[in-house]
C-alpha atoms as a PDB file:
ATOM      1  CA  MET A   1       0.000   0.000   0.000  1.00  0.00           C
ATOM      2  CA  PRO A   2       1.783   3.188  -1.167  1.00  0.00           C
ATOM      3  CA  ILE A   3       2.024   6.053   1.294  1.00  0.00           C
ATOM      4  CA  ALA A   4       1.652   9.476  -0.261  1.00  0.00           C
ATOM      5  CA  ASN A   5       3.788  12.489   0.535  1.00  0.00           C
ATOM      6  CA  PRO A   6       2.095  15.675   1.807  1.00  0.00           C
ATOM      7  CA  VAL A   7       2.328  17.451  -1.572  1.00  0.00           C
ATOM      8  CA  LEU A   8       0.527  14.577  -3.320  1.00  0.00           C
ATOM      9  CA  LEU A   9      -2.055  14.512  -0.532  1.00  0.00           C
ATOM     10  CA  MET A  10      -2.708  18.247  -0.829  1.00  0.00           C
ATOM     11  CA  GLN A  11      -3.147  17.950  -4.598  1.00  0.00           C
ATOM     12  CA  ALA A  12      -5.533  14.989  -4.240  1.00  0.00           C
ATOM     13  CA  ILE A  13      -7.623  16.870  -1.661  1.00  0.00           C
ATOM     14  CA  LYS A  14      -7.797  19.967  -3.879  1.00  0.00           C
ATOM     15  CA  ASP A  15      -8.757  17.799  -6.872  1.00  0.00           C
ATOM     16  CA  TYR A  16     -11.519  16.153  -4.857  1.00  0.00           C
ATOM     17  CA  LEU A  17     -12.873  19.529  -3.762  1.00  0.00           C
ATOM     18  CA  ARG A  18     -12.785  20.826  -7.326  1.00  0.00           C
ATOM     19  CA  HIS A  19     -15.205  18.048  -8.256  1.00  0.00           C
ATOM     20  CA  CYS A  20     -17.204  18.136  -4.995  1.00  0.00           C
ATOM     21  CA  PRO A  21     -16.925  21.751  -3.799  1.00  0.00           C
ATOM     22  CA  ARG A  22     -19.434  21.342  -0.957  1.00  0.00           C
ATOM     23  CA  ALA A  23     -17.786  18.249   0.525  1.00  0.00           C
ATOM     24  CA  ALA A  24     -16.773  18.317   4.194  1.00  0.00           C
ATOM     25  CA  ASP A  25     -15.334  15.576   6.383  1.00  0.00           C
ATOM     26  CA  SER A  26     -13.011  14.713   9.238  1.00  0.00           C
ATOM     27  CA  ALA A  27      -9.415  13.651   8.630  1.00  0.00           C
ATOM     28  CA  ASP A  28     -10.482  10.005   8.983  1.00  0.00           C
ATOM     29  CA  GLY A  29     -13.327  10.540   6.517  1.00  0.00           C
ATOM     30  CA  ILE A  30     -11.015  12.261   4.047  1.00  0.00           C
ATOM     31  CA  ALA A  31      -8.608   9.332   4.236  1.00  0.00           C
ATOM     32  CA  MET A  32     -11.390   6.762   3.833  1.00  0.00           C
ATOM     33  CA  TRP A  33     -13.741   8.413   1.333  1.00  0.00           C
ATOM     34  CA  TRP A  34     -11.712  10.990  -0.598  1.00  0.00           C
ATOM     35  CA  LEU A  35      -8.260   9.408  -0.879  1.00  0.00           C
ATOM     36  CA  ALA A  36      -8.489   5.623  -0.469  1.00  0.00           C
ATOM     37  CA  PRO A  37     -10.792   5.111  -3.502  1.00  0.00           C
ATOM     38  CA  ARG A  38      -8.095   6.816  -5.601  1.00  0.00           C
ATOM     39  CA  GLY A  39      -5.458   4.446  -4.249  1.00  0.00           C
ATOM     40  CA  ILE A  40      -3.870   7.149  -2.093  1.00  0.00           C
ATOM     41  CA  HIS A  41      -2.936   6.097   1.435  1.00  0.00           C
ATOM     42  CA  ALA A  42      -1.185   8.103   4.108  1.00  0.00           C
ATOM     43  CA  THR A  43      -0.308   7.911   7.737  1.00  0.00           C
ATOM     44  CA  PRO A  44      -2.489  10.051  10.020  1.00  0.00           C
ATOM     45  CA  ARG A  45       0.557  12.237  10.683  1.00  0.00           C
ATOM     46  CA  ARG A  46       1.194  12.970   6.986  1.00  0.00           C
ATOM     47  CA  LEU A  47      -2.486  13.616   6.343  1.00  0.00           C
ATOM     48  CA  ALA A  48      -2.626  15.990   9.330  1.00  0.00           C
ATOM     49  CA  LEU A  49       0.388  17.864   7.934  1.00  0.00           C
ATOM     50  CA  ALA A  50      -1.263  18.188   4.514  1.00  0.00           C
ATOM     51  CA  LEU A  51      -4.544  19.372   6.060  1.00  0.00           C
ATOM     52  CA  ARG A  52      -2.794  21.923   8.310  1.00  0.00           C
ATOM     53  CA  THR A  53      -0.875  23.266   5.330  1.00  0.00           C
ATOM     54  CA  LEU A  54      -4.042  23.679   3.254  1.00  0.00           C
ATOM     55  CA  VAL A  55      -5.739  25.457   6.163  1.00  0.00           C
ATOM     56  CA  ARG A  56      -2.724  27.796   6.539  1.00  0.00           C
ATOM     57  CA  GLN A  57      -2.861  28.502   2.796  1.00  0.00           C
ATOM     58  CA  ARG A  58      -6.578  29.291   3.222  1.00  0.00           C
ATOM     59  CA  GLN A  59      -7.578  26.620   0.733  1.00  0.00           C
ATOM     60  CA  LEU A  60      -9.375  24.617   3.430  1.00  0.00           C
ATOM     61  CA  SER A  61     -11.393  25.671   6.427  1.00  0.00           C
ATOM     62  CA  ALA A  62     -11.288  23.706   9.671  1.00  0.00           C
ATOM     63  CA  VAL A  63     -14.180  23.796  12.134  1.00  0.00           C
ATOM     64  CA  ARG A  64     -13.977  22.116  15.531  1.00  0.00           C
ATOM     65  CA  LEU A  65     -17.243  20.339  16.331  1.00  0.00           C
ATOM     66  CA  PRO A  66     -18.691  20.106  19.876  1.00  0.00           C
ATOM     67  CA  GLY A  67     -17.385  16.537  20.294  1.00  0.00           C
ATOM     68  CA  GLY A  68     -13.852  17.691  19.470  1.00  0.00           C
ATOM     69  CA  ALA A  69     -13.611  16.368  15.911  1.00  0.00           C
ATOM     70  CA  VAL A  70     -12.413  18.766  13.218  1.00  0.00           C
ATOM     71  CA  LEU A  71     -14.420  19.116  10.021  1.00  0.00           C
ATOM     72  CA  TYR A  72     -12.499  20.156   6.888  1.00  0.00           C
ATOM     73  CA  ALA A  73     -14.098  21.787   3.837  1.00  0.00           C
ATOM     74  CA  ALA A  74     -13.147  24.053   0.969  1.00  0.00           C
ATOM     75  CA  ALA A  75     -12.461  27.567   2.199  1.00  0.00           C
ATOM     76  CA  ARG A  76     -15.204  30.027   1.378  1.00  0.00           C
ATOM     77  CA  ILE A  77     -14.390  32.299  -1.509  1.00  0.00           C
ATOM     78  CA  GLY A  78     -15.663  35.655  -2.659  1.00  0.00           C
ATOM     79  CA  ALA A  79     -18.589  36.030  -5.061  1.00  0.00           C
ATOM     80  CA  LYS A  80     -16.373  37.023  -8.006  1.00  0.00           C
ATOM     81  CA  GLN A  81     -14.060  34.016  -7.592  1.00  0.00           C
ATOM     82  CA  ARG A  82     -17.095  31.771  -7.149  1.00  0.00           C
ATOM     83  CA  SER A  83     -18.639  32.937 -10.439  1.00  0.00           C
ATOM     84  CA  VAL A  84     -15.338  32.473 -12.286  1.00  0.00           C
ATOM     85  CA  ARG A  85     -14.959  28.945 -10.926  1.00  0.00           C
ATOM     86  CA  ALA A  86     -18.573  28.112 -11.781  1.00  0.00           C
ATOM     87  CA  ALA A  87     -18.055  29.349 -15.345  1.00  0.00           C
ATOM     88  CA  ARG A  88     -14.926  27.203 -15.697  1.00  0.00           C
ATOM     89  CA  ARG A  89     -16.761  24.170 -14.323  1.00  0.00           C
ATOM     90  CA  ARG A  90     -19.653  24.712 -16.776  1.00  0.00           C
ATOM     91  CA  ALA A  91     -17.193  25.057 -19.653  1.00  0.00           C
ATOM     92  CA  THR A  92     -15.506  21.806 -18.621  1.00  0.00           C
ATOM     93  CA  CYS A  93     -18.874  20.044 -18.420  1.00  0.00           C
ATOM     94  CA  ASP A  94     -19.873  21.414 -21.840  1.00  0.00           C
ATOM     95  CA  VAL A  95     -16.636  20.124 -23.387  1.00  0.00           C
ATOM     96  CA  TYR A  96     -17.199  16.745 -21.747  1.00  0.00           C
ATOM     97  CA  SER A  97     -20.767  16.654 -23.062  1.00  0.00           C
ATOM     98  CA  ALA A  98     -19.633  17.542 -26.562  1.00  0.00           C
ATOM     99  CA  THR A  99     -16.953  14.836 -26.634  1.00  0.00           C
ATOM    100  CA  THR A 100     -19.048  12.055 -25.082  1.00  0.00           C
ATOM    101  CA  GLY A 101     -22.458  12.888 -26.449  1.00  0.00           C
ATOM    102  CA  HIS A 102     -23.890  13.198 -22.946  1.00  0.00           C
ATOM    103  CA  ASN A 103     -26.127  16.150 -22.329  1.00  0.00           C
ATOM    104  CA  ARG A 104     -25.478  16.517 -18.618  1.00  0.00           C
ATOM    105  CA  ARG A 105     -24.385  19.502 -16.614  1.00  0.00           C
ATOM    106  CA  THR A 106     -23.173  19.264 -13.034  1.00  0.00           C
END
């Protein structure tokens, strides 16, 4: 089972959030549901380092829940950035639809 380095982990987390921008989970959930299906495995220590780095870079938000667990999600962005990202996502979906024949927008 390969163990990913923090840079690979950060990229995989950002990729996941690009496709699922409203996703939120604990570190354990991220390891199990976001990374493991892609064949990416990491020690809790390396994952914690990657998550802390993304929070420091303001790419992730971290919210401590009443039970003590920390919930990670994409950092909130301004309205202008949000509209630019939405336009890019629509353009990507339109290209995908044109190349596959599917008429689906996400």
